[in-house]
Amino acid sequence: FNKVEQDKRLADWQLFYLNNLDIFTEEFLEIPLHQFQRELLLNCRQYDVMDVIASRGLSKTFCIALLANNLALILPNISILITSMTLNQSNIIIKEKIDEMFTSEASTKVNSPILKQLRKDGFIQFKNDKNTGGLIVEYGNGSKIFAVNCGESARGKRSNIVIVDEAALIPKTIYD
């Protein structure tokens, strides 16, 4: 293949996986999903704004982390901001899910050999914002996921995608 054909094939796969995040998760990353998780990932791609109302223990945080990670892998140079009422809650999504559950060698809950290898190869790196204390995940394709609290201190942070965890707890005056 020449460069043009190779770029077209890559773009075709990117578009396919972007429209089928469930297939990307299960077949490429080898992370098994329940049916409701598949539908949640597909709906997130279909709608610009989405509210998920679910009881405790239904893996909302898991799905948020998986969505952010998948988009960062598929879309080069994308910036994804994860926010919640507190910085600690935003950091949990990165620390407990993307770092410890998805990419850590020690993880026994979710075993994605692809993500573990990408981390081992340095394609996925974890950092700490020294100014805010927020965690950052940087990907070798230029994408990044970063955590901030939802408040005045987050002003000026720019991103392509914003994910708000526990949005019901954030006062409407801050959210607007």
Protein backbone atom coordinates (compact mmCIF):
# COMPACT_ATOMS: atom_id res chain seq x y z
CA PHE A 1 0.00 0.00 0.00
CA ASN A 2 1.13 3.52 -0.70
CA LYS A 3 0.76 6.31 1.88
CA VAL A 4 -2.59 7.55 0.53
CA GLU A 5 -4.14 4.07 0.57
CA GLN A 6 -2.76 3.42 4.04
CA ASP A 7 -4.19 6.70 5.37
CA LYS A 8 -7.59 5.90 3.84
CA ARG A 9 -7.65 2.44 5.41
CA LEU A 10 -6.73 3.90 8.79
CA ALA A 11 -9.47 6.54 8.49
CA ASP A 12 -11.99 3.83 7.55
CA TRP A 13 -11.09 1.79 10.66
CA GLN A 14 -11.20 4.90 12.85
CA LEU A 15 -14.68 5.75 11.61
CA PHE A 16 -15.85 2.15 11.98
CA TYR A 17 -14.61 1.90 15.57
CA LEU A 18 -15.89 5.39 16.43
CA ASN A 19 -19.37 4.36 15.32
CA ASN A 20 -19.04 0.97 17.05
CA LEU A 21 -17.37 1.68 20.37
CA ASP A 22 -18.75 -1.59 21.73
CA ILE A 23 -16.92 -3.60 19.07
CA PHE A 24 -13.73 -1.61 19.67
CA THR A 25 -13.99 -2.35 23.39
CA GLU A 26 -14.76 -6.05 23.12
CA GLU A 27 -12.87 -7.16 20.04
CA PHE A 28 -9.88 -4.82 19.92
CA LEU A 29 -9.31 -4.04 23.60
CA GLU A 30 -10.67 -7.43 24.73
CA ILE A 31 -12.78 -5.94 27.52
CA PRO A 32 -16.10 -7.80 27.95
CA LEU A 33 -19.26 -5.71 28.25
CA HIS A 34 -22.81 -6.29 29.45
CA GLN A 35 -25.60 -5.40 27.02
CA PHE A 36 -26.52 -2.18 28.86
CA GLN A 37 -22.86 -1.08 28.71
CA ARG A 38 -22.80 -1.70 24.95
CA GLU A 39 -25.91 0.40 24.49
CA LEU A 40 -24.56 3.17 26.72
CA LEU A 41 -21.35 3.42 24.67
CA LEU A 42 -23.29 3.47 21.40
CA ASN A 43 -25.72 6.11 22.69
CA CYS A 44 -22.85 8.34 23.83
CA ARG A 45 -21.62 8.43 20.25
CA GLN A 46 -25.07 9.09 18.84
CA TYR A 47 -26.07 12.02 21.09
CA ASP A 48 -24.18 15.25 21.83
CA VAL A 49 -25.65 15.52 25.33
CA MET A 50 -26.69 12.53 27.38
CA ASP A 51 -27.89 12.05 30.95
CA VAL A 52 -27.52 8.64 32.54
CA ILE A 53 -29.68 8.04 35.58
CA ALA A 54 -28.94 4.74 37.26
CA SER A 55 -28.71 3.25 40.72
CA ARG A 56 -25.46 2.63 42.56
CA GLY A 57 -23.25 -0.18 41.34
CA LEU A 58 -24.30 -0.12 37.69
CA SER A 59 -20.80 0.77 36.46
CA LYS A 60 -21.48 4.38 35.47
CA THR A 61 -17.92 5.40 36.40
CA PHE A 62 -16.55 2.37 34.55
CA CYS A 63 -18.47 3.37 31.40
CA ILE A 64 -17.35 7.02 31.66
CA ALA A 65 -13.71 5.94 31.94
CA LEU A 66 -14.08 3.45 29.10
CA LEU A 67 -15.72 6.04 26.84
CA ALA A 68 -13.02 8.64 27.51
CA ASN A 69 -10.22 6.09 27.03
CA ASN A 70 -11.70 4.74 23.79
CA LEU A 71 -12.20 8.18 22.28
CA ALA A 72 -8.65 9.20 23.23
CA LEU A 73 -7.28 6.08 21.54
CA ILE A 74 -9.34 6.41 18.36
CA LEU A 75 -9.21 10.20 17.83
CA PRO A 76 -5.74 11.75 17.65
CA ASN A 77 -5.12 15.10 19.37
CA ILE A 78 -8.45 15.14 21.19
CA SER A 79 -8.72 16.70 24.63
CA ILE A 80 -11.24 15.21 27.06
CA LEU A 81 -12.08 16.98 30.31
CA ILE A 82 -13.61 14.97 33.15
CA THR A 83 -15.23 17.09 35.82
CA SER A 84 -17.36 16.64 38.91
CA MET A 85 -18.22 18.59 42.03
CA THR A 86 -14.85 17.73 43.59
CA LEU A 87 -11.44 17.17 42.06
CA ASN A 88 -11.15 13.93 44.03
CA GLN A 89 -14.21 12.48 42.26
CA SER A 90 -12.81 13.49 38.86
CA ASN A 91 -9.43 11.97 39.74
CA ILE A 92 -11.08 8.69 40.79
CA ILE A 93 -12.22 8.08 37.22
CA ILE A 94 -8.65 8.35 35.97
CA LYS A 95 -6.89 6.72 38.92
CA GLU A 96 -9.19 3.82 39.79
CA LYS A 97 -10.50 3.01 36.33
CA ILE A 98 -8.14 4.05 33.53
CA ASP A 99 -4.94 3.66 35.56
CA GLU A 100 -5.56 0.80 37.98
CA MET A 101 -8.34 -1.17 36.30
CA PHE A 102 -7.67 -0.84 32.56
CA THR A 103 -3.91 -0.45 32.14
CA SER A 104 -2.19 -1.72 35.29
CA GLU A 105 -0.23 -4.97 35.13
CA ALA A 106 -1.61 -5.81 38.57
CA SER A 107 -5.25 -5.48 37.50
CA THR A 108 -7.35 -8.60 37.83
CA LYS A 109 -10.78 -7.00 37.26
CA VAL A 110 -10.38 -5.96 33.63
CA ASN A 111 -7.69 -7.65 31.66
CA SER A 112 -6.95 -5.80 28.43
CA PRO A 113 -3.60 -6.99 27.09
CA ILE A 114 -3.70 -4.21 24.47
CA LEU A 115 -4.03 -1.40 27.04
CA LYS A 116 -1.40 -2.96 29.29
CA GLN A 117 1.03 -3.21 26.37
CA LEU A 118 0.33 0.38 25.27
CA ARG A 119 1.15 1.54 28.78
CA LYS A 120 4.27 -0.62 28.94
CA ASP A 121 5.42 0.82 25.59
CA GLY A 122 4.90 4.39 26.86
CA PHE A 123 1.95 5.14 24.53
CA ILE A 124 -0.26 5.72 27.61
CA GLN A 125 1.30 7.84 30.36
CA PHE A 126 -0.12 9.14 33.63
CA LYS A 127 0.82 12.53 35.04
CA ASN A 128 -0.24 14.93 37.75
CA ASP A 129 -1.00 18.60 37.10
CA LYS A 130 1.26 20.34 39.61
CA ASN A 131 -0.93 23.47 39.66
CA THR A 132 -4.34 21.86 40.24
CA GLY A 133 -3.58 18.35 41.53
CA GLY A 134 -5.69 16.92 38.71
CA LEU A 135 -4.62 13.71 37.04
CA ILE A 136 -3.79 13.60 33.34
CA VAL A 137 -3.59 10.69 30.90
CA GLU A 138 -1.51 11.40 27.80
CA TYR A 139 -1.60 9.18 24.72
CA GLY A 140 1.06 8.75 22.07
CA ASN A 141 -1.33 10.05 19.40
CA GLY A 142 -1.49 13.48 21.09
CA SER A 143 -4.80 12.89 22.87
CA LYS A 144 -5.25 13.54 26.56
CA ILE A 145 -7.78 13.10 29.34
CA PHE A 146 -7.59 15.43 32.32
CA ALA A 147 -9.52 15.88 35.56
CA VAL A 148 -10.74 19.17 37.05
CA ASN A 149 -13.35 20.14 39.60
CA CYS A 150 -16.45 21.89 38.34
CA GLY A 151 -16.03 25.41 39.68
CA GLU A 152 -14.31 28.74 39.23
CA SER A 153 -10.84 27.18 39.38
CA ALA A 154 -11.62 25.25 36.18
CA ARG A 155 -12.18 28.40 34.13
CA GLY A 156 -9.94 28.59 31.09
CA LYS A 157 -9.58 24.82 30.69
CA ARG A 158 -10.23 23.92 27.07
CA SER A 159 -11.30 20.59 25.65
CA ASN A 160 -13.12 18.98 22.75
CA ILE A 161 -15.29 16.80 24.99
CA VAL A 162 -16.54 17.44 28.52
CA ILE A 163 -17.75 14.57 30.70
CA VAL A 164 -19.58 15.61 33.87
CA ASP A 165 -19.75 12.94 36.57
CA GLU A 166 -22.52 13.24 39.17
CA ALA A 167 -23.97 16.23 37.29
CA ALA A 168 -27.06 16.24 39.52
CA LEU A 169 -24.89 17.36 42.45
CA ILE A 170 -23.53 20.40 40.63
CA PRO A 171 -25.52 23.61 41.19
CA LYS A 172 -27.15 24.85 37.99
CA THR A 173 -25.42 28.24 38.34
CA ILE A 174 -22.01 26.57 38.08
CA TYR A 175 -23.03 24.20 35.30
CA ASP A 176 -24.46 26.94 33.06
